[in-house]
N, C-alpha and C. Protein backbone atom coordinates (compact mmCIF):
# COMPACT_ATOMS: atom_id res chain seq x y z
N MET A 1 -133.68 115.78 51.72
CA MET A 1 -133.25 114.67 50.53
C MET A 1 -134.21 113.59 51.06
N THR A 2 -134.77 112.86 50.26
CA THR A 2 -135.55 111.72 50.66
C THR A 2 -134.78 110.25 50.35
N ASP A 3 -133.66 110.29 49.96
CA ASP A 3 -132.59 108.92 49.74
C ASP A 3 -131.58 109.22 50.87
N PRO A 4 -131.85 108.24 51.71
CA PRO A 4 -131.03 107.99 52.94
C PRO A 4 -129.76 108.13 52.68
N ASP A 5 -129.20 107.17 51.45
CA ASP A 5 -127.98 106.91 50.66
C ASP A 5 -127.23 107.60 50.11
N TYR A 6 -127.84 109.33 49.90
CA TYR A 6 -127.41 110.50 49.22
C TYR A 6 -125.71 110.86 49.76
N VAL A 7 -124.96 111.06 49.26
CA VAL A 7 -123.74 111.84 49.31
C VAL A 7 -123.51 113.28 48.56
N PRO A 8 -123.73 114.49 48.73
CA PRO A 8 -123.69 115.48 48.23
C PRO A 8 -122.01 115.52 47.67
N ILE A 9 -122.07 116.29 46.39
CA ILE A 9 -120.56 116.38 45.68
C ILE A 9 -119.63 117.10 46.54
N SER A 10 -119.82 118.05 47.48
CA SER A 10 -118.60 118.56 48.36
C SER A 10 -119.06 117.82 49.58
N PRO A 11 -117.44 117.37 50.05
CA PRO A 11 -117.76 117.18 51.60
C PRO A 11 -118.11 118.26 52.36
N ASP A 12 -118.25 119.38 52.21
CA ASP A 12 -118.64 120.33 53.27
C ASP A 12 -120.02 120.82 53.04
N VAL A 13 -121.23 120.09 52.36
CA VAL A 13 -122.08 120.34 52.03
C VAL A 13 -122.99 118.97 52.86
N THR A 14 -124.16 119.45 53.42
CA THR A 14 -124.67 117.90 54.32
C THR A 14 -126.14 117.44 52.99
N ALA A 15 -126.26 116.35 53.11
CA ALA A 15 -127.36 115.89 52.30
C ALA A 15 -128.39 116.82 53.09
N ALA A 16 -129.06 117.23 54.21
CA ALA A 16 -129.73 118.17 54.58
C ALA A 16 -130.15 119.08 54.02
N GLU A 17 -128.62 119.86 53.89
CA GLU A 17 -128.79 121.26 53.54
C GLU A 17 -128.98 120.97 52.07
N ILE A 18 -128.86 120.00 51.36
CA ILE A 18 -128.72 120.07 49.75
C ILE A 18 -130.49 119.60 49.68
N GLY A 19 -131.27 119.02 50.75
CA GLY A 19 -132.64 118.70 50.65
C GLY A 19 -133.44 120.08 50.73
N LYS A 20 -132.83 120.87 51.37
CA LYS A 20 -133.71 122.27 51.27
C LYS A 20 -133.68 123.07 50.04
N TRP A 21 -132.98 122.57 49.20
CA TRP A 21 -132.94 123.26 47.84
C TRP A 21 -133.43 122.44 46.88
N THR A 22 -133.75 121.16 46.83
CA THR A 22 -133.41 120.23 45.81
C THR A 22 -135.13 120.56 45.02
N GLN A 23 -134.82 120.52 43.52
CA GLN A 23 -135.90 120.44 42.83
C GLN A 23 -136.45 119.73 42.00
N PRO A 24 -137.24 118.66 42.56
CA PRO A 24 -137.63 117.48 41.81
C PRO A 24 -137.92 118.03 39.90
N ALA A 25 -137.08 117.35 39.66
CA ALA A 25 -137.12 117.68 37.91
C ALA A 25 -138.25 116.19 37.34
N ARG A 26 -139.33 116.52 36.99
CA ARG A 26 -140.17 115.38 35.82
C ARG A 26 -139.75 115.53 34.26
N ARG A 27 -140.22 114.73 33.50
CA ARG A 27 -140.76 114.47 32.39
C ARG A 27 -141.90 115.58 31.78
N GLN A 28 -142.14 116.06 31.11
CA GLN A 28 -143.25 116.93 30.04
C GLN A 28 -144.18 115.47 30.00
N THR A 29 -145.47 116.20 30.27
CA THR A 29 -146.50 115.18 30.07
C THR A 29 -146.88 115.01 28.59
N ASP A 30 -146.39 115.69 27.89
CA ASP A 30 -146.99 116.19 26.41
C ASP A 30 -145.98 116.20 25.46
N GLY A 31 -144.72 115.99 25.92
CA GLY A 31 -143.56 116.16 24.95
C GLY A 31 -142.57 116.00 25.46
N THR A 32 -141.16 116.12 24.95
CA THR A 32 -139.88 116.01 25.37
C THR A 32 -138.94 116.98 26.25
N GLY A 33 -138.71 117.22 27.38
CA GLY A 33 -137.81 118.14 27.88
C GLY A 33 -138.35 117.67 29.47
N LEU A 34 -137.69 118.44 30.39
CA LEU A 34 -138.34 118.35 31.98
C LEU A 34 -138.57 119.56 32.15
N ARG A 35 -139.50 119.59 33.41
CA ARG A 35 -140.37 120.36 34.07
C ARG A 35 -139.96 120.50 35.24
N VAL A 36 -140.10 121.72 35.81
CA VAL A 36 -140.01 122.04 37.27
C VAL A 36 -141.27 122.70 37.73
N GLY A 37 -142.16 122.74 38.68
CA GLY A 37 -143.24 123.18 38.87
C GLY A 37 -143.93 123.70 37.42
N ASN A 38 -144.14 124.87 37.45
CA ASN A 38 -144.96 125.66 36.14
C ASN A 38 -143.86 125.77 35.09
N LYS A 39 -142.37 125.48 35.19
CA LYS A 39 -141.41 126.10 34.06
C LYS A 39 -141.42 124.42 33.70
N ALA A 40 -140.66 124.72 32.27
CA ALA A 40 -140.05 123.50 31.22
C ALA A 40 -139.13 123.99 30.63
N GLU A 41 -137.88 123.14 30.47
CA GLU A 41 -137.31 123.33 29.07
C GLU A 41 -137.65 122.93 28.21
N PHE A 42 -137.15 123.66 27.06
CA PHE A 42 -137.17 123.20 25.47
C PHE A 42 -135.63 123.45 24.62
N THR A 43 -135.03 122.24 24.17
CA THR A 43 -133.96 122.34 23.45
C THR A 43 -134.21 121.59 22.59
N LEU A 44 -133.45 122.40 21.35
CA LEU A 44 -133.44 121.35 20.13
C LEU A 44 -132.05 121.98 19.63
N VAL A 45 -131.51 121.04 18.78
CA VAL A 45 -130.47 120.91 18.22
C VAL A 45 -130.63 120.51 16.70
N ALA A 46 -130.07 121.47 15.56
CA ALA A 46 -130.29 120.73 14.38
C ALA A 46 -129.17 120.94 13.26
N PRO A 47 -128.89 120.23 12.46
CA PRO A 47 -127.46 120.26 11.71
C PRO A 47 -128.21 122.02 10.59
N ILE A 48 -126.71 122.51 10.59
CA ILE A 48 -126.86 123.85 9.45
C ILE A 48 -126.80 123.15 8.31
N ARG A 49 -127.54 123.80 7.28
CA ARG A 49 -127.01 123.47 5.72
C ARG A 49 -126.05 124.35 5.55
N PRO A 50 -125.96 123.70 3.89
CA PRO A 50 -124.40 124.67 3.20
C PRO A 50 -124.82 126.43 3.43
N GLY A 51 -123.77 127.09 3.74
CA GLY A 51 -124.19 128.17 3.60
C GLY A 51 -125.11 128.84 4.74
N GLY A 52 -125.69 128.23 5.38
CA GLY A 52 -126.40 128.34 6.62
C GLY A 52 -125.95 129.14 7.80
N ALA A 53 -124.63 128.87 8.10
CA ALA A 53 -124.33 129.60 9.31
C ALA A 53 -123.83 130.83 8.64
N GLU A 54 -123.46 131.68 7.60
CA GLU A 54 -123.30 132.75 7.07
C GLU A 54 -124.60 133.67 7.53
N ILE A 55 -125.77 132.78 6.76
CA ILE A 55 -126.97 133.88 6.63
C ILE A 55 -127.52 133.82 7.89
N PHE A 56 -127.38 132.79 9.21
CA PHE A 56 -127.92 133.14 10.48
C PHE A 56 -127.16 134.11 11.23
N HIS A 57 -125.50 134.25 10.67
CA HIS A 57 -124.52 135.29 11.35
C HIS A 57 -125.23 136.64 10.72
N GLU A 58 -125.86 137.14 9.58
CA GLU A 58 -126.30 137.91 8.97
C GLU A 58 -127.47 138.34 9.90
N ARG A 59 -128.60 137.54 10.26
CA ARG A 59 -129.47 137.69 10.61
C ARG A 59 -129.79 137.97 12.02
N ALA A 60 -128.88 137.50 12.68
CA ALA A 60 -128.65 137.55 14.03
C ALA A 60 -129.36 138.78 15.00
N GLY A 61 -128.60 139.79 14.27
CA GLY A 61 -128.47 141.25 14.57
C GLY A 61 -130.38 141.75 14.80
N LYS A 62 -130.68 141.05 13.99
CA LYS A 62 -132.12 142.04 13.97
C LYS A 62 -132.98 140.90 14.62
N ALA A 63 -132.76 139.99 14.98
CA ALA A 63 -133.38 138.65 15.38
C ALA A 63 -133.31 139.13 17.05
N GLN A 64 -131.97 139.48 17.37
CA GLN A 64 -131.89 140.40 18.99
C GLN A 64 -132.50 141.47 19.33
N VAL A 65 -132.57 142.61 18.06
CA VAL A 65 -133.38 143.41 18.14
C VAL A 65 -135.14 143.33 18.19
N GLU A 66 -135.24 142.27 17.91
CA GLU A 66 -136.86 142.04 17.63
C GLU A 66 -137.18 141.18 19.24
N ALA A 67 -136.08 140.34 19.72
CA ALA A 67 -136.31 139.11 20.49
C ALA A 67 -137.62 139.58 21.58
N ALA A 68 -137.51 140.50 22.48
CA ALA A 68 -138.53 141.07 23.41
C ALA A 68 -140.07 141.25 22.71
N TYR A 69 -139.78 141.94 21.38
CA TYR A 69 -141.15 141.97 21.18
C TYR A 69 -141.94 140.71 20.69
N TRP A 70 -141.38 139.64 20.15
CA TRP A 70 -141.92 138.65 20.04
C TRP A 70 -142.06 138.04 20.99
N GLU A 71 -141.24 137.80 22.32
CA GLU A 71 -141.70 136.77 23.35
C GLU A 71 -142.90 137.89 23.76
N GLY A 72 -143.07 139.03 24.21
CA GLY A 72 -143.94 140.04 24.56
C GLY A 72 -145.68 139.27 24.01
N ARG A 73 -145.25 138.89 22.70
CA ARG A 73 -146.57 138.21 22.02
C ARG A 73 -146.72 136.97 22.58
N LEU A 74 -145.81 136.57 22.95
CA LEU A 74 -145.79 134.85 23.57
C LEU A 74 -146.24 135.37 25.00
N GLY A 75 -145.56 135.58 25.80
CA GLY A 75 -145.74 135.98 27.01
C GLY A 75 -145.68 134.62 28.08
N THR A 76 -144.58 133.82 27.73
CA THR A 76 -144.54 132.60 28.34
C THR A 76 -143.15 132.25 28.88
N VAL A 77 -142.26 132.99 27.97
CA VAL A 77 -140.88 132.56 27.73
C VAL A 77 -140.03 133.43 28.45
N HIS A 78 -139.48 132.60 29.82
CA HIS A 78 -138.25 133.04 30.70
C HIS A 78 -136.90 133.53 30.46
N ASP A 79 -136.70 132.78 29.66
CA ASP A 79 -135.10 132.79 28.67
C ASP A 79 -135.09 132.07 27.43
N LEU A 80 -134.15 132.53 26.62
CA LEU A 80 -134.09 131.57 25.66
C LEU A 80 -132.76 132.13 24.90
N ARG A 81 -132.04 131.06 24.67
CA ARG A 81 -130.57 131.25 23.76
C ARG A 81 -130.83 130.33 22.25
N ILE A 82 -130.47 131.08 21.21
CA ILE A 82 -130.20 130.73 19.98
C ILE A 82 -128.79 131.05 19.32
N CYS A 83 -127.71 129.79 19.05
CA CYS A 83 -126.57 130.19 18.71
C CYS A 83 -126.33 129.01 17.77
N LEU A 84 -124.99 129.30 17.02
CA LEU A 84 -124.50 128.06 16.35
C LEU A 84 -123.32 127.55 17.29
N ILE A 85 -123.35 126.04 17.26
CA ILE A 85 -122.54 125.57 18.10
C ILE A 85 -121.51 124.64 17.14
N ASN A 86 -120.62 123.90 17.74
CA ASN A 86 -119.86 122.81 17.28
C ASN A 86 -118.89 123.07 15.75
N ASP A 87 -118.44 124.19 15.85
CA ASP A 87 -118.00 125.03 14.69
C ASP A 87 -119.08 125.54 13.72
N ASP A 88 -120.42 125.87 14.24
CA ASP A 88 -120.97 126.30 12.98
C ASP A 88 -121.82 125.20 12.47
N THR A 89 -121.86 123.94 12.79
CA THR A 89 -122.20 123.06 12.11
C THR A 89 -123.98 122.41 12.57
N GLN A 90 -124.11 122.99 13.70
CA GLN A 90 -125.54 122.84 14.51
C GLN A 90 -125.69 123.99 15.14
N ILE A 91 -127.37 124.64 14.93
CA ILE A 91 -127.55 125.22 15.78
C ILE A 91 -128.36 125.16 16.92
N LEU A 92 -128.32 125.25 17.95
CA LEU A 92 -128.87 125.19 19.36
C LEU A 92 -130.16 126.26 19.51
N PHE A 93 -131.19 125.94 20.03
CA PHE A 93 -132.32 126.37 20.63
C PHE A 93 -132.72 125.96 21.84
N ALA A 94 -132.39 127.04 22.71
CA ALA A 94 -132.70 126.46 24.05
C ALA A 94 -133.78 127.59 24.97
N ALA A 95 -134.71 127.00 25.37
CA ALA A 95 -135.74 127.86 25.85
C ALA A 95 -136.35 127.52 27.70
N THR A 96 -136.61 128.56 28.37
CA THR A 96 -137.10 127.95 29.84
C THR A 96 -138.58 129.02 29.49
N TYR A 97 -139.59 128.04 29.76
CA TYR A 97 -140.77 128.87 29.46
C TYR A 97 -141.76 128.30 30.61
N SER A 98 -143.36 128.89 30.78
CA SER A 98 -144.28 128.25 31.54
C SER A 98 -145.07 127.61 30.66
N ASP A 99 -146.13 126.92 31.50
CA ASP A 99 -147.35 126.00 30.68
C ASP A 99 -146.40 124.50 30.27
N GLU A 100 -147.54 124.27 29.58
CA GLU A 100 -146.91 122.88 29.28
C GLU A 100 -146.50 122.95 27.90
N PHE A 101 -145.81 121.62 27.08
CA PHE A 101 -145.16 121.81 26.01
C PHE A 101 -146.09 121.99 24.54
N ASN A 102 -147.37 121.22 24.53
CA ASN A 102 -148.28 121.58 23.74
C ASN A 102 -148.67 123.13 23.73
N PRO A 103 -149.57 123.96 24.06
CA PRO A 103 -149.89 124.55 24.01
C PRO A 103 -148.60 125.75 23.75
N TYR A 104 -147.23 125.74 24.44
CA TYR A 104 -145.95 126.59 24.27
C TYR A 104 -146.04 126.33 22.61
N VAL A 105 -145.84 125.28 21.68
CA VAL A 105 -145.36 125.16 20.98
C VAL A 105 -146.72 125.54 19.93
N VAL A 106 -147.91 125.71 20.07
CA VAL A 106 -148.91 126.00 19.69
C VAL A 106 -148.65 127.86 19.94
N ASP A 107 -148.59 128.50 20.48
CA ASP A 107 -148.42 129.65 21.02
C ASP A 107 -147.08 130.18 19.97
N VAL A 108 -145.70 129.56 19.99
CA VAL A 108 -145.06 130.09 19.28
C VAL A 108 -145.30 130.10 17.65
N ILE A 109 -145.68 128.89 17.30
CA ILE A 109 -146.33 129.35 16.01
C ILE A 109 -147.40 129.82 15.88
N ASN A 110 -148.42 130.09 16.30
CA ASN A 110 -149.30 131.45 16.54
C ASN A 110 -149.05 132.64 16.38
N PHE A 111 -147.73 132.98 17.28
CA PHE A 111 -147.56 134.19 17.75
C PHE A 111 -146.00 134.72 17.28
N ALA A 112 -144.92 133.97 16.85
CA ALA A 112 -143.47 134.14 16.86
C ALA A 112 -143.25 133.83 15.52
N THR A 113 -144.12 133.13 14.51
CA THR A 113 -143.40 132.30 13.22
C THR A 113 -142.59 133.08 12.60
N PRO A 114 -142.52 134.57 12.44
CA PRO A 114 -142.01 135.20 11.18
C PRO A 114 -140.49 135.48 11.89
N TRP A 115 -140.63 135.39 13.26
CA TRP A 115 -139.19 135.60 14.06
C TRP A 115 -138.46 134.59 13.89
N ILE A 116 -138.84 133.20 14.49
CA ILE A 116 -138.19 132.18 14.60
C ILE A 116 -137.99 131.49 12.78
N ASP A 117 -139.18 131.60 12.18
CA ASP A 117 -138.25 130.94 10.37
C ASP A 117 -137.47 132.16 9.85
N HIS A 118 -137.26 133.48 10.81
CA HIS A 118 -136.18 134.21 9.88
C HIS A 118 -134.63 133.75 10.48
N MET A 119 -134.46 133.34 11.43
CA MET A 119 -133.10 132.63 11.95
C MET A 119 -133.29 131.10 11.62
N PHE A 120 -134.42 130.35 11.01
CA PHE A 120 -133.88 129.02 10.96
C PHE A 120 -134.05 128.63 9.40
N THR A 121 -134.96 129.50 8.55
CA THR A 121 -134.80 129.36 7.14
C THR A 121 -133.94 129.53 6.40
N ASP A 122 -133.44 128.57 5.42
CA ASP A 122 -132.57 128.69 4.77
C ASP A 122 -131.16 128.61 5.89
N VAL A 123 -130.67 127.97 7.09
CA VAL A 123 -129.90 127.88 7.80
C VAL A 123 -129.98 126.53 8.18
N ALA A 124 -131.24 126.11 9.42
CA ALA A 124 -131.01 124.66 9.46
C ALA A 124 -131.57 123.44 8.40
N GLU A 125 -130.77 122.66 8.34
CA GLU A 125 -131.18 121.72 7.10
C GLU A 125 -132.63 121.46 7.36
N GLY A 126 -133.22 121.22 6.25
CA GLY A 126 -134.60 120.32 6.42
C GLY A 126 -135.56 121.24 7.02
N TYR A 127 -135.53 122.63 7.67
CA TYR A 127 -136.30 123.03 8.35
C TYR A 127 -137.48 123.40 6.97
N PRO A 128 -138.54 123.32 7.72
CA PRO A 128 -139.91 123.48 6.80
C PRO A 128 -140.70 124.75 7.02
N GLY A 129 -140.21 125.13 7.95
CA GLY A 129 -141.15 126.78 8.58
C GLY A 129 -142.07 126.31 9.48
N LEU A 130 -142.37 127.15 10.42
CA LEU A 130 -143.64 126.71 11.43
C LEU A 130 -144.92 126.44 10.89
N LYS A 131 -145.12 126.98 9.98
CA LYS A 131 -146.71 127.01 9.18
C LYS A 131 -146.63 125.76 8.74
N SER A 132 -145.56 124.77 8.30
CA SER A 132 -145.70 123.64 7.53
C SER A 132 -146.25 122.55 8.12
N PRO A 133 -147.08 121.63 8.00
CA PRO A 133 -147.52 120.41 8.08
C PRO A 133 -146.31 119.94 8.94
N ASP A 134 -145.32 119.92 8.55
CA ASP A 134 -144.19 118.71 8.67
C ASP A 134 -143.29 119.54 9.97
N ALA A 135 -143.86 120.92 10.59
CA ALA A 135 -142.75 121.73 11.72
C ALA A 135 -142.80 120.55 12.93
N LEU A 136 -144.16 120.31 13.18
CA LEU A 136 -144.07 119.45 14.12
C LEU A 136 -142.87 118.04 14.20
N ALA A 137 -143.16 117.66 13.28
CA ALA A 137 -142.35 116.48 12.87
C ALA A 137 -140.68 116.74 12.95
N TYR A 138 -140.41 117.88 12.82
CA TYR A 138 -138.89 118.41 12.23
C TYR A 138 -138.54 118.53 13.76
N ILE A 139 -139.82 119.79 14.81
CA ILE A 139 -139.21 119.93 16.30
C ILE A 139 -138.78 118.23 16.83
N ALA A 140 -139.79 117.45 16.60
CA ALA A 140 -139.58 116.20 17.64
C ALA A 140 -138.51 115.36 16.73
N LYS A 141 -137.75 115.54 15.71
CA LYS A 141 -136.71 114.93 15.19
C LYS A 141 -135.60 115.51 15.89
N HIS A 142 -135.73 116.75 16.31
CA HIS A 142 -134.22 117.85 16.91
C HIS A 142 -134.29 117.69 17.76
N GLN A 143 -135.31 117.32 18.86
CA GLN A 143 -135.48 117.92 19.93
C GLN A 143 -134.77 117.16 20.91
N VAL A 144 -134.10 117.60 22.13
CA VAL A 144 -133.11 116.67 22.96
C VAL A 144 -133.91 116.99 24.44
N GLU A 145 -134.13 116.27 25.33
CA GLU A 145 -134.04 116.38 26.78
C GLU A 145 -132.42 116.81 27.40
N ALA A 146 -132.91 117.81 27.99
CA ALA A 146 -132.01 118.07 29.19
C ALA A 146 -131.36 116.80 29.99
N SER A 147 -130.12 116.57 30.57
CA SER A 147 -129.63 115.97 31.43
C SER A 147 -129.67 116.33 32.90
N VAL A 148 -129.47 117.67 32.73
CA VAL A 148 -129.49 118.45 33.76
C VAL A 148 -130.21 119.73 33.66
N TRP A 149 -131.26 120.28 34.60
CA TRP A 149 -131.49 121.22 34.11
C TRP A 149 -132.36 122.44 35.47
N TYR A 150 -132.26 123.39 35.85
CA TYR A 150 -132.72 124.20 36.72
C TYR A 150 -133.37 125.13 36.75
N GLY A 151 -134.30 125.67 37.22
CA GLY A 151 -135.48 126.75 37.01
C GLY A 151 -135.60 127.36 38.12
N SER A 152 -135.54 128.76 38.22
CA SER A 152 -135.73 129.30 39.68
C SER A 152 -137.20 129.56 39.59
N ASN A 153 -137.80 129.80 41.14
CA ASN A 153 -138.87 130.30 41.10
C ASN A 153 -139.86 129.51 40.45
N GLU A 154 -139.71 128.10 40.75
CA GLU A 154 -140.60 127.21 39.44
C GLU A 154 -142.09 127.46 39.28
N ASP A 155 -142.59 127.88 40.19
CA ASP A 155 -144.17 128.25 40.05
C ASP A 155 -144.62 129.67 39.48
N ALA A 156 -143.33 130.54 39.30
CA ALA A 156 -143.84 132.00 38.68
C ALA A 156 -143.76 131.71 37.50
N THR A 157 -144.90 132.27 36.85
CA THR A 157 -144.82 132.61 35.42
C THR A 157 -144.07 133.73 35.04
N VAL A 158 -143.77 134.28 33.86
CA VAL A 158 -143.32 135.35 33.16
C VAL A 158 -144.54 136.43 33.62
N ARG A 159 -145.76 136.05 33.62
CA ARG A 159 -147.09 137.40 33.70
C ARG A 159 -146.90 137.49 35.52
N ASP A 160 -146.44 136.53 36.07
CA ASP A 160 -146.45 136.81 37.66
C ASP A 160 -145.11 137.67 38.02
N ILE A 161 -143.93 137.09 37.02
CA ILE A 161 -142.72 137.93 37.22
C ILE A 161 -143.41 139.47 36.96
N ALA A 162 -143.64 139.56 36.08
CA ALA A 162 -144.01 140.82 35.18
C ALA A 162 -144.74 141.59 36.49
N ARG A 163 -145.88 141.47 36.75
CA ARG A 163 -146.80 141.62 38.07
C ARG A 163 -145.75 142.12 39.23
N GLY A 164 -145.22 141.40 39.74
CA GLY A 164 -144.50 141.66 40.80
C GLY A 164 -143.58 142.68 40.55
N GLN A 165 -143.11 142.73 39.24
CA GLN A 165 -141.95 143.86 39.29
C GLN A 165 -142.46 145.19 38.95
N LYS A 166 -143.83 145.14 38.52
CA LYS A 166 -144.68 146.58 38.49
C LYS A 166 -145.08 146.89 39.90
N THR A 167 -145.33 145.75 40.83
CA THR A 167 -146.23 146.07 42.13
C THR A 167 -144.68 146.50 42.92
N LEU A 168 -143.55 145.91 42.74
CA LEU A 168 -142.43 146.79 43.42
C LEU A 168 -142.14 147.91 43.31
N THR A 169 -142.79 148.37 41.94
CA THR A 169 -142.08 149.88 41.09
C THR A 169 -143.09 150.97 42.08
N ALA A 170 -144.18 150.15 41.92
CA ALA A 170 -145.23 150.99 42.56
C ALA A 170 -144.93 151.62 43.97
N LEU A 171 -144.51 150.19 44.72
CA LEU A 171 -144.58 150.14 46.23
C LEU A 171 -143.34 151.35 46.47
N GLY A 172 -142.41 151.16 45.75
CA GLY A 172 -141.03 152.06 45.51
C GLY A 172 -141.62 153.69 45.62
N ASP A 173 -142.03 153.87 44.41
CA ASP A 173 -142.67 154.95 44.09
C ASP A 173 -143.48 155.17 45.57
N LEU A 174 -144.30 154.83 46.23
CA LEU A 174 -145.36 154.99 47.13
C LEU A 174 -144.33 155.63 48.17
N LEU A 175 -143.37 154.57 48.98
CA LEU A 175 -142.45 155.03 49.59
C LEU A 175 -141.64 156.34 49.66
N ASP A 176 -141.18 156.37 48.36
CA ASP A 176 -140.47 157.47 47.93
C ASP A 176 -141.15 159.10 47.99
N ALA A 177 -142.48 158.60 47.81
CA ALA A 177 -143.69 160.08 47.74
C ALA A 177 -143.86 160.13 49.01
N ALA A 178 -143.94 159.19 50.33
CA ALA A 178 -144.41 159.45 51.48
C ALA A 178 -142.77 160.03 52.33
N GLN A 179 -141.47 159.74 51.91
CA GLN A 179 -140.56 160.03 52.67
C GLN A 179 -140.30 161.27 52.06
N ALA A 180 -140.95 162.08 50.98
CA ALA A 180 -140.53 163.34 50.39
C ALA A 180 -141.48 164.57 51.06
């Protein structure tokens, strides 16, 4: 911990212990949101149009089935949550992704527009569609920065994690074969 006056939340934890786990967050260099290492958070909260909650609930099942496909096209999303909040009056889109803000948004527009539009069109008030010239202004208007955000393995990209999983599986298979 670099702040000598820091006092942890719990009296059972020392500042030195906290310091071992501290993850300094910084603001995005090219957009709203926090970053740690190679990861960043993206949070958008937009109002729901009349009747939009029912449409969202009808579409959510199909969106869930296809989520992994669309993320696979992007290859940068660590996790994503999309839900209605505040008695179905707002839609929350919250993601953790690798890379900088502008490349992430460009990738979403290039590779996942049909999926995002499926969830937001006729649901979110004023949503113009991701291919619209007004899309970035809509995002900027409704994006909020997290006050507290943590991302584990701060420098690992989605591709790094997938490669690591494949390596572990191959090593496990090799060890199993050697024991047989």
